């Protein structure tokens, strides 16, 4: 989930000293015109979880209770 705009936002603040605040805000990264907003982010997370669940065996609670 790499976005070029994230790299630019973080690189802009790479020279901060202790106690200095960054010059960006979360809404700068989540700019709907550039990133599609929260809905696109949530869709990416859902897609990631679907792929993850299809590739990684996750024990179910039922199996854990039977083995105890």
PDB file of N, CA and C in Angstrom:
ATOM      1  N   UNK A   1       0.828  -1.187   0.000  1.00  0.00           N
ATOM      2  CA  UNK A   1       0.000   0.000   0.000  1.00  0.00           C
ATOM      3  C   UNK A   1       0.868   1.244   0.000  1.00  0.00           C
ATOM      4  N   UNK A   2       1.660   1.385  -1.041  1.00  0.00           N
ATOM      5  CA  UNK A   2       2.589   2.508  -1.153  1.00  0.00           C
ATOM      6  C   UNK A   2       1.953   3.616  -1.971  1.00  0.00           C
ATOM      7  N   UNK A   3       2.073   4.804  -1.484  1.00  0.00           N
ATOM      8  CA  UNK A   3       1.589   5.971  -2.229  1.00  0.00           C
ATOM      9  C   UNK A   3       2.724   6.983  -2.315  1.00  0.00           C
ATOM     10  N   UNK A   4       3.010   7.454  -3.507  1.00  0.00           N
ATOM     11  CA  UNK A   4       4.064   8.449  -3.718  1.00  0.00           C
ATOM     12  C   UNK A   4       3.816   9.691  -2.870  1.00  0.00           C
ATOM     13  N   UNK A   5       2.558  10.092  -2.727  1.00  0.00           N
ATOM     14  CA  UNK A   5       2.247  11.297  -1.947  1.00  0.00           C
ATOM     15  C   UNK A   5       2.654  11.124  -0.490  1.00  0.00           C
ATOM     16  N   UNK A   6       2.616   9.870   0.046  1.00  0.00           N
ATOM     17  CA  UNK A   6       3.042   9.638   1.429  1.00  0.00           C
ATOM     18  C   UNK A   6       4.530   9.908   1.563  1.00  0.00           C
ATOM     19  N   UNK A   7       5.299   9.388   0.606  1.00  0.00           N
ATOM     20  CA  UNK A   7       6.751   9.581   0.650  1.00  0.00           C
ATOM     21  C   UNK A   7       7.085  11.067   0.612  1.00  0.00           C
ATOM     22  N   UNK A   8       6.425  11.795  -0.247  1.00  0.00           N
ATOM     23  CA  UNK A   8       6.690  13.226  -0.351  1.00  0.00           C
ATOM     24  C   UNK A   8       6.315  13.955   0.933  1.00  0.00           C
ATOM     25  N   UNK A   9       5.203  13.575   1.557  1.00  0.00           N
ATOM     26  CA  UNK A   9       4.765  14.238   2.785  1.00  0.00           C
ATOM     27  C   UNK A   9       5.740  13.971   3.927  1.00  0.00           C
ATOM     28  N   UNK A  10       6.226  12.740   4.035  1.00  0.00           N
ATOM     29  CA  UNK A  10       7.156  12.421   5.111  1.00  0.00           C
ATOM     30  C   UNK A  10       8.545  12.988   4.823  1.00  0.00           C
ATOM     31  N   UNK A  11       8.980  12.967   3.566  1.00  0.00           N
ATOM     32  CA  UNK A  11      10.297  13.485   3.214  1.00  0.00           C
ATOM     33  C   UNK A  11      10.377  14.986   3.468  1.00  0.00           C
ATOM     34  N   UNK A  12       9.272  15.668   3.296  1.00  0.00           N
ATOM     35  CA  UNK A  12       9.241  17.108   3.512  1.00  0.00           C
ATOM     36  C   UNK A  12       9.592  17.457   4.949  1.00  0.00           C
ATOM     37  N   UNK A  13       9.314  16.564   5.879  1.00  0.00           N
ATOM     38  CA  UNK A  13       9.538  16.802   7.303  1.00  0.00           C
ATOM     39  C   UNK A  13      10.731  16.019   7.849  1.00  0.00           C
ATOM     40  N   UNK A  14      11.625  15.580   7.001  1.00  0.00           N
ATOM     41  CA  UNK A  14      12.719  14.710   7.444  1.00  0.00           C
ATOM     42  C   UNK A  14      13.775  15.423   8.278  1.00  0.00           C
ATOM     43  N   UNK A  15      13.800  16.739   8.283  1.00  0.00           N
ATOM     44  CA  UNK A  15      14.837  17.467   9.024  1.00  0.00           C
ATOM     45  C   UNK A  15      14.317  18.056  10.335  1.00  0.00           C
ATOM     46  N   UNK A  16      13.230  17.515  10.874  1.00  0.00           N
ATOM     47  CA  UNK A  16      12.680  18.039  12.127  1.00  0.00           C
ATOM     48  C   UNK A  16      13.627  17.767  13.286  1.00  0.00           C
ATOM     49  N   UNK A  17      13.717  18.716  14.184  1.00  0.00           N
ATOM     50  CA  UNK A  17      14.486  18.538  15.414  1.00  0.00           C
ATOM     51  C   UNK A  17      13.541  18.129  16.535  1.00  0.00           C
ATOM     52  N   UNK A  18      14.109  17.706  17.656  1.00  0.00           N
ATOM     53  CA  UNK A  18      13.311  17.297  18.806  1.00  0.00           C
ATOM     54  C   UNK A  18      12.368  18.426  19.206  1.00  0.00           C
ATOM     55  N   UNK A  19      11.104  18.095  19.385  1.00  0.00           N
ATOM     56  CA  UNK A  19      10.105  19.072  19.807  1.00  0.00           C
ATOM     57  C   UNK A  19       9.438  19.829  18.681  1.00  0.00           C
ATOM     58  N   UNK A  20       9.929  19.688  17.457  1.00  0.00           N
ATOM     59  CA  UNK A  20       9.299  20.364  16.323  1.00  0.00           C
ATOM     60  C   UNK A  20       8.150  19.517  15.781  1.00  0.00           C
ATOM     61  N   UNK A  21       7.113  20.171  15.343  1.00  0.00           N
ATOM     62  CA  UNK A  21       5.944  19.472  14.805  1.00  0.00           C
ATOM     63  C   UNK A  21       6.018  19.422  13.279  1.00  0.00           C
ATOM     64  N   UNK A  22       5.518  18.354  12.695  1.00  0.00           N
ATOM     65  CA  UNK A  22       5.503  18.264  11.229  1.00  0.00           C
ATOM     66  C   UNK A  22       4.558  19.293  10.626  1.00  0.00           C
ATOM     67  N   UNK A  23       4.779  19.587   9.364  1.00  0.00           N
ATOM     68  CA  UNK A  23       3.944  20.563   8.668  1.00  0.00           C
ATOM     69  C   UNK A  23       2.877  19.884   7.821  1.00  0.00           C
ATOM     70  N   UNK A  24       2.493  18.686   8.159  1.00  0.00           N
ATOM     71  CA  UNK A  24       1.416  17.995   7.460  1.00  0.00           C
ATOM     72  C   UNK A  24       0.453  17.438   8.489  1.00  0.00           C
ATOM     73  N   UNK A  25      -0.723  17.124   8.016  1.00  0.00           N
ATOM     74  CA  UNK A  25      -1.776  16.565   8.854  1.00  0.00           C
ATOM     75  C   UNK A  25      -2.316  15.318   8.168  1.00  0.00           C
ATOM     76  N   UNK A  26      -2.930  14.409   8.916  1.00  0.00           N
ATOM     77  CA  UNK A  26      -3.470  13.195   8.282  1.00  0.00           C
ATOM     78  C   UNK A  26      -4.374  13.485   7.094  1.00  0.00           C
ATOM     79  N   UNK A  27      -5.152  14.557   7.151  1.00  0.00           N
ATOM     80  CA  UNK A  27      -6.036  14.842   6.018  1.00  0.00           C
ATOM     81  C   UNK A  27      -5.253  15.242   4.770  1.00  0.00           C
ATOM     82  N   UNK A  28      -3.989  15.662   4.916  1.00  0.00           N
ATOM     83  CA  UNK A  28      -3.161  15.941   3.741  1.00  0.00           C
ATOM     84  C   UNK A  28      -2.884  14.649   2.976  1.00  0.00           C
ATOM     85  N   UNK A  29      -2.652  13.570   3.714  1.00  0.00           N
ATOM     86  CA  UNK A  29      -2.372  12.276   3.095  1.00  0.00           C
ATOM     87  C   UNK A  29      -3.657  11.677   2.536  1.00  0.00           C
ATOM     88  N   UNK A  30      -4.761  11.926   3.210  1.00  0.00           N
ATOM     89  CA  UNK A  30      -6.041  11.355   2.804  1.00  0.00           C
ATOM     90  C   UNK A  30      -6.832  12.300   1.903  1.00  0.00           C
ATOM     91  N   UNK A  31      -6.149  13.152   1.169  1.00  0.00           N
ATOM     92  CA  UNK A  31      -6.811  14.091   0.257  1.00  0.00           C
ATOM     93  C   UNK A  31      -7.632  13.306  -0.762  1.00  0.00           C
ATOM     94  N   UNK A  32      -8.939  13.493  -0.753  1.00  0.00           N
ATOM     95  CA  UNK A  32      -9.823  12.699  -1.597  1.00  0.00           C
ATOM     96  C   UNK A  32      -9.542  12.866  -3.080  1.00  0.00           C
ATOM     97  N   UNK A  33      -9.126  14.043  -3.498  1.00  0.00           N
ATOM     98  CA  UNK A  33      -8.869  14.255  -4.920  1.00  0.00           C
ATOM     99  C   UNK A  33      -7.672  13.441  -5.392  1.00  0.00           C
ATOM    100  N   UNK A  34      -6.668  13.251  -4.534  1.00  0.00           N
ATOM    101  CA  UNK A  34      -5.471  12.516  -4.932  1.00  0.00           C
ATOM    102  C   UNK A  34      -5.571  11.031  -4.611  1.00  0.00           C
ATOM    103  N   UNK A  35      -6.133  10.676  -3.471  1.00  0.00           N
ATOM    104  CA  UNK A  35      -6.085   9.290  -3.013  1.00  0.00           C
ATOM    105  C   UNK A  35      -7.408   8.561  -3.113  1.00  0.00           C
ATOM    106  N   UNK A  36      -8.493   9.256  -3.336  1.00  0.00           N
ATOM    107  CA  UNK A  36      -9.794   8.615  -3.370  1.00  0.00           C
ATOM    108  C   UNK A  36     -10.474   8.587  -2.028  1.00  0.00           C
ATOM    109  N   UNK A  37      -9.820   9.077  -1.009  1.00  0.00           N
ATOM    110  CA  UNK A  37     -10.427   9.173   0.312  1.00  0.00           C
ATOM    111  C   UNK A  37     -10.442   7.879   1.090  1.00  0.00           C
ATOM    112  N   UNK A  38     -11.179   7.901   2.162  1.00  0.00           N
ATOM    113  CA  UNK A  38     -11.223   6.785   3.100  1.00  0.00           C
ATOM    114  C   UNK A  38     -11.853   5.548   2.475  1.00  0.00           C
ATOM    115  N   UNK A  39     -12.857   5.718   1.638  1.00  0.00           N
ATOM    116  CA  UNK A  39     -13.518   4.557   1.040  1.00  0.00           C
ATOM    117  C   UNK A  39     -12.557   3.725   0.207  1.00  0.00           C
ATOM    118  N   UNK A  40     -11.696   4.371  -0.575  1.00  0.00           N
ATOM    119  CA  UNK A  40     -10.707   3.627  -1.356  1.00  0.00           C
ATOM    120  C   UNK A  40      -9.711   2.925  -0.443  1.00  0.00           C
ATOM    121  N   UNK A  41      -9.308   3.586   0.637  1.00  0.00           N
ATOM    122  CA  UNK A  41      -8.395   2.965   1.594  1.00  0.00           C
ATOM    123  C   UNK A  41      -9.038   1.730   2.218  1.00  0.00           C
ATOM    124  N   UNK A  42     -10.295   1.844   2.622  1.00  0.00           N
ATOM    125  CA  UNK A  42     -10.997   0.699   3.204  1.00  0.00           C
ATOM    126  C   UNK A  42     -11.135  -0.437   2.195  1.00  0.00           C
ATOM    127  N   UNK A  43     -11.379  -0.116   0.932  1.00  0.00           N
ATOM    128  CA  UNK A  43     -11.453  -1.148  -0.102  1.00  0.00           C
ATOM    129  C   UNK A  43     -10.115  -1.850  -0.277  1.00  0.00           C
ATOM    130  N   UNK A  44      -9.024  -1.100  -0.230  1.00  0.00           N
ATOM    131  CA  UNK A  44      -7.697  -1.704  -0.327  1.00  0.00           C
ATOM    132  C   UNK A  44      -7.437  -2.631   0.854  1.00  0.00           C
ATOM    133  N   UNK A  45      -7.842  -2.217   2.044  1.00  0.00           N
ATOM    134  CA  UNK A  45      -7.668  -3.051   3.237  1.00  0.00           C
ATOM    135  C   UNK A  45      -8.489  -4.332   3.102  1.00  0.00           C
ATOM    136  N   UNK A  46      -9.737  -4.213   2.651  1.00  0.00           N
ATOM    137  CA  UNK A  46     -10.582  -5.401   2.456  1.00  0.00           C
ATOM    138  C   UNK A  46      -9.955  -6.357   1.450  1.00  0.00           C
ATOM    139  N   UNK A  47      -9.470  -5.817   0.330  1.00  0.00           N
ATOM    140  CA  UNK A  47      -8.828  -6.660  -0.681  1.00  0.00           C
ATOM    141  C   UNK A  47      -7.596  -7.349  -0.121  1.00  0.00           C
ATOM    142  N   UNK A  48      -6.800  -6.624   0.642  1.00  0.00           N
ATOM    143  CA  UNK A  48      -5.610  -7.205   1.261  1.00  0.00           C
ATOM    144  C   UNK A  48      -5.998  -8.354   2.188  1.00  0.00           C
ATOM    145  N   UNK A  49      -7.013  -8.129   3.027  1.00  0.00           N
ATOM    146  CA  UNK A  49      -7.438  -9.163   3.969  1.00  0.00           C
ATOM    147  C   UNK A  49      -7.985 -10.389   3.252  1.00  0.00           C
ATOM    148  N   UNK A  50      -8.702 -10.195   2.155  1.00  0.00           N
ATOM    149  CA  UNK A  50      -9.204 -11.336   1.386  1.00  0.00           C
ATOM    150  C   UNK A  50      -8.057 -12.172   0.842  1.00  0.00           C
ATOM    151  N   UNK A  51      -7.057 -11.527   0.273  1.00  0.00           N
ATOM    152  CA  UNK A  51      -5.893 -12.248  -0.246  1.00  0.00           C
ATOM    153  C   UNK A  51      -5.144 -12.923   0.894  1.00  0.00           C
ATOM    154  N   UNK A  52      -4.938 -12.206   1.978  1.00  0.00           N
ATOM    155  CA  UNK A  52      -4.229 -12.749   3.140  1.00  0.00           C
ATOM    156  C   UNK A  52      -4.936 -13.993   3.670  1.00  0.00           C
ATOM    157  N   UNK A  53      -6.255 -13.905   3.842  1.00  0.00           N
ATOM    158  CA  UNK A  53      -7.012 -15.036   4.376  1.00  0.00           C
ATOM    159  C   UNK A  53      -7.023 -16.219   3.420  1.00  0.00           C
ATOM    160  N   UNK A  54      -6.933 -15.965   2.126  1.00  0.00           N
ATOM    161  CA  UNK A  54      -6.917 -17.066   1.165  1.00  0.00           C
ATOM    162  C   UNK A  54      -5.557 -17.758   1.102  1.00  0.00           C
ATOM    163  N   UNK A  55      -4.504 -17.080   1.542  1.00  0.00           N
ATOM    164  CA  UNK A  55      -3.144 -17.629   1.453  1.00  0.00           C
ATOM    165  C   UNK A  55      -2.602 -18.156   2.776  1.00  0.00           C
ATOM    166  N   UNK A  56      -3.110 -17.648   3.898  1.00  0.00           N
ATOM    167  CA  UNK A  56      -2.570 -17.999   5.210  1.00  0.00           C
ATOM    168  C   UNK A  56      -3.618 -18.780   5.989  1.00  0.00           C
ATOM    169  N   UNK A  57      -3.228 -19.961   6.469  1.00  0.00           N
ATOM    170  CA  UNK A  57      -4.136 -20.773   7.268  1.00  0.00           C
ATOM    171  C   UNK A  57      -4.236 -20.178   8.663  1.00  0.00           C
ATOM    172  N   UNK A  58      -5.437 -19.803   9.044  1.00  0.00           N
ATOM    173  CA  UNK A  58      -5.676 -19.229  10.365  1.00  0.00           C
ATOM    174  C   UNK A  58      -6.546 -20.213  11.135  1.00  0.00           C
ATOM    175  N   UNK A  59      -6.045 -20.734  12.270  1.00  0.00           N
ATOM    176  CA  UNK A  59      -6.846 -21.700  13.032  1.00  0.00           C
ATOM    177  C   UNK A  59      -8.153 -21.069  13.506  1.00  0.00           C
ATOM    178  N   UNK A  60      -9.216 -21.837  13.429  1.00  0.00           N
ATOM    179  CA  UNK A  60     -10.508 -21.326  13.888  1.00  0.00           C
ATOM    180  C   UNK A  60     -10.637 -21.528  15.392  1.00  0.00           C
ATOM    181  N   UNK A  61     -11.546 -20.791  16.005  1.00  0.00           N
ATOM    182  CA  UNK A  61     -11.774 -20.931  17.449  1.00  0.00           C
ATOM    183  C   UNK A  61     -12.292 -22.322  17.771  1.00  0.00           C
ATOM    184  N   UNK A  62     -13.089 -22.895  16.881  1.00  0.00           N
ATOM    185  CA  UNK A  62     -13.637 -24.225  17.110  1.00  0.00           C
ATOM    186  C   UNK A  62     -12.514 -25.249  17.222  1.00  0.00           C
ATOM    187  N   UNK A  63     -11.527 -25.169  16.334  1.00  0.00           N
ATOM    188  CA  UNK A  63     -10.384 -26.084  16.395  1.00  0.00           C
ATOM    189  C   UNK A  63      -9.573 -25.865  17.661  1.00  0.00           C
ATOM    190  N   UNK A  64      -9.423 -24.628  18.079  1.00  0.00           N
ATOM    191  CA  UNK A  64      -8.666 -24.337  19.299  1.00  0.00           C
ATOM    192  C   UNK A  64      -9.369 -24.898  20.524  1.00  0.00           C
ATOM    193  N   UNK A  65     -10.702 -24.820  20.569  1.00  0.00           N
ATOM    194  CA  UNK A  65     -11.455 -25.338  21.710  1.00  0.00           C
ATOM    195  C   UNK A  65     -11.411 -26.859  21.769  1.00  0.00           C
ATOM    196  N   UNK A  66     -11.380 -27.522  20.623  1.00  0.00           N
ATOM    197  CA  UNK A  66     -11.317 -28.984  20.586  1.00  0.00           C
ATOM    198  C   UNK A  66      -9.960 -29.504  21.026  1.00  0.00           C
ATOM    199  N   UNK A  67      -8.918 -28.725  20.826  1.00  0.00           N
ATOM    200  CA  UNK A  67      -7.562 -29.153  21.174  1.00  0.00           C
ATOM    201  C   UNK A  67      -7.218 -28.862  22.621  1.00  0.00           C
ATOM    202  N   UNK A  68      -8.023 -28.116  23.323  1.00  0.00           N
ATOM    203  CA  UNK A  68      -7.720 -27.727  24.705  1.00  0.00           C
ATOM    204  C   UNK A  68      -8.097 -28.806  25.679  1.00  0.00           C
TER     205      UNK A  68
END
